[in-house]
Protein backbone atom coordinates (compact mmCIF):
# COMPACT_ATOMS: atom_id res chain seq x y z
CA MET A 1 22.04 -63.57 -60.92
CA ASP A 2 19.79 -60.59 -59.50
CA ASN A 3 22.80 -58.39 -60.69
CA ILE A 4 22.66 -59.41 -64.22
CA ILE A 5 19.01 -58.69 -64.38
CA THR A 6 19.25 -55.28 -62.81
CA ASN A 7 22.40 -54.39 -64.76
CA ILE A 8 20.87 -54.75 -68.40
CA THR A 9 19.24 -52.16 -70.52
CA SER A 10 15.51 -52.38 -71.70
CA GLU A 11 17.11 -52.82 -75.33
CA GLN A 12 19.18 -55.89 -74.16
CA LEU A 13 15.97 -57.44 -72.43
CA ARG A 14 14.09 -57.04 -75.73
CA ALA A 15 16.81 -58.60 -77.52
CA ALA A 16 17.00 -61.51 -75.13
CA ALA A 17 13.08 -62.22 -75.27
CA THR A 18 13.27 -61.92 -79.19
CA ILE A 19 16.01 -64.60 -79.14
CA LYS A 20 14.28 -66.57 -76.55
CA ASP A 21 10.87 -66.64 -78.87
CA GLN A 22 13.18 -67.41 -81.98
CA ILE A 23 14.57 -70.48 -79.96
CA ALA A 24 11.09 -71.72 -78.95
CA ALA A 25 9.93 -71.40 -82.51
CA LEU A 26 12.92 -73.35 -83.88
CA GLU A 27 12.42 -76.11 -81.33
CA ALA A 28 8.86 -76.36 -81.96
CA ASP A 29 9.70 -76.56 -85.78
CA LEU A 30 12.30 -79.16 -85.07
CA ALA A 31 9.88 -81.23 -83.00
CA ALA A 32 7.44 -80.90 -86.07
CA ILE A 33 9.89 -82.32 -88.22
CA LEU A 34 11.31 -85.36 -86.18
CA GLY A 35 7.59 -86.38 -85.16
CA GLY A 36 8.02 -84.96 -81.44
CA ALA A 37 11.10 -86.85 -80.87
CA ALA A 38 12.94 -83.29 -80.39
CA ALA A 39 12.28 -83.03 -76.51
CA ALA A 40 15.39 -81.86 -74.45
CA PRO A 41 17.71 -84.68 -73.53
CA PRO A 42 17.25 -85.80 -69.71
CA ALA A 43 19.97 -84.24 -67.65
CA ALA A 44 22.99 -86.34 -66.66
CA PRO A 45 23.24 -87.70 -63.22
CA ALA A 46 25.77 -85.74 -60.83
CA GLY A 47 28.87 -86.62 -61.16
CA SER A 48 28.71 -88.39 -64.61
CA VAL A 49 30.93 -87.20 -67.19
CA THR A 50 29.78 -87.06 -70.65
CA GLY A 51 31.84 -87.94 -73.78
CA LYS A 52 33.90 -90.57 -71.77
CA LYS A 53 33.65 -94.04 -72.17
CA ARG A 54 34.64 -96.86 -69.79
CA GLY A 55 37.52 -99.50 -70.46
CA ARG A 56 40.59 -99.80 -72.33
CA LYS A 57 41.58 -96.75 -74.79
CA PRO A 58 41.55 -97.77 -78.36
CA GLY A 59 45.36 -98.54 -79.19
CA SER A 60 46.16 -99.36 -75.52
CA LYS A 61 49.52 -101.40 -75.36
CA ASN A 62 47.89 -103.48 -72.66
CA LYS A 63 45.83 -106.19 -74.89
CA SER A 64 43.97 -109.25 -73.47
CA THR A 65 44.88 -111.27 -76.71
CA SER A 66 48.42 -112.47 -77.90
CA ASP A 67 49.85 -111.12 -81.24
CA SER A 68 48.14 -113.86 -83.20
CA GLY A 69 44.89 -112.98 -81.95
CA ALA A 70 44.45 -115.80 -79.72
CA PRO A 71 43.56 -115.26 -76.03
CA ALA A 72 46.30 -114.69 -73.77
CA LYS A 73 47.12 -117.22 -71.30
CA LYS A 74 46.34 -116.82 -67.67
CA SER A 75 49.16 -117.09 -65.47
CA ALA A 76 49.23 -119.45 -62.55
CA LYS A 77 47.22 -118.57 -59.42
CA ARG A 78 49.94 -117.51 -56.57
CA LYS A 79 49.77 -119.14 -53.58
CA MET A 80 50.60 -117.72 -50.28
CA SER A 81 52.92 -119.62 -47.86
CA PRO A 82 51.66 -120.82 -44.70
CA GLU A 83 54.31 -118.69 -43.03
CA GLY A 84 53.44 -115.76 -44.93
CA ARG A 85 49.73 -116.03 -43.93
CA ALA A 86 50.71 -116.53 -40.44
CA ARG A 87 52.53 -113.23 -40.50
CA ILE A 88 49.86 -111.32 -42.19
CA ILE A 89 47.40 -112.77 -39.49
CA ALA A 90 49.84 -111.69 -36.34
CA ALA A 91 50.25 -108.28 -38.08
CA GLN A 92 46.47 -107.69 -38.25
CA LYS A 93 45.78 -109.20 -34.92
CA ALA A 94 48.47 -106.69 -33.56
CA ARG A 95 46.57 -103.70 -35.61
CA TRP A 96 43.22 -104.63 -33.82
CA ALA A 97 44.76 -104.80 -30.38
CA LYS A 98 46.25 -101.27 -31.04
CA ALA A 99 42.92 -99.99 -32.09
CA LYS A 100 41.26 -101.49 -29.12
CA ALA A 101 43.81 -100.08 -26.84
CA GLY A 102 43.16 -96.48 -28.54
CA LYS A 103 39.56 -96.37 -27.15
């Protein structure tokens, strides 16, 4: 930033000051017209993306309703067999034992 200021001419500095004054005058006029509602919008939080909306895009093929407009039927909740659950438990216990052995 310092290099920009030291590399500009006095004419450029005057022009920048004039433009800045014009902007301030226009903002004051706008505030007077809108009744003081022309204040600068609050800064967006860090990491936010402006102009993007959450959720499904319009025209998405992944609809939550059937073609007739009725809500789509939910599929039956899948259930895990006791054997499958036992395999997962055994695998997790093995991971825990390996992690404890590594310490």
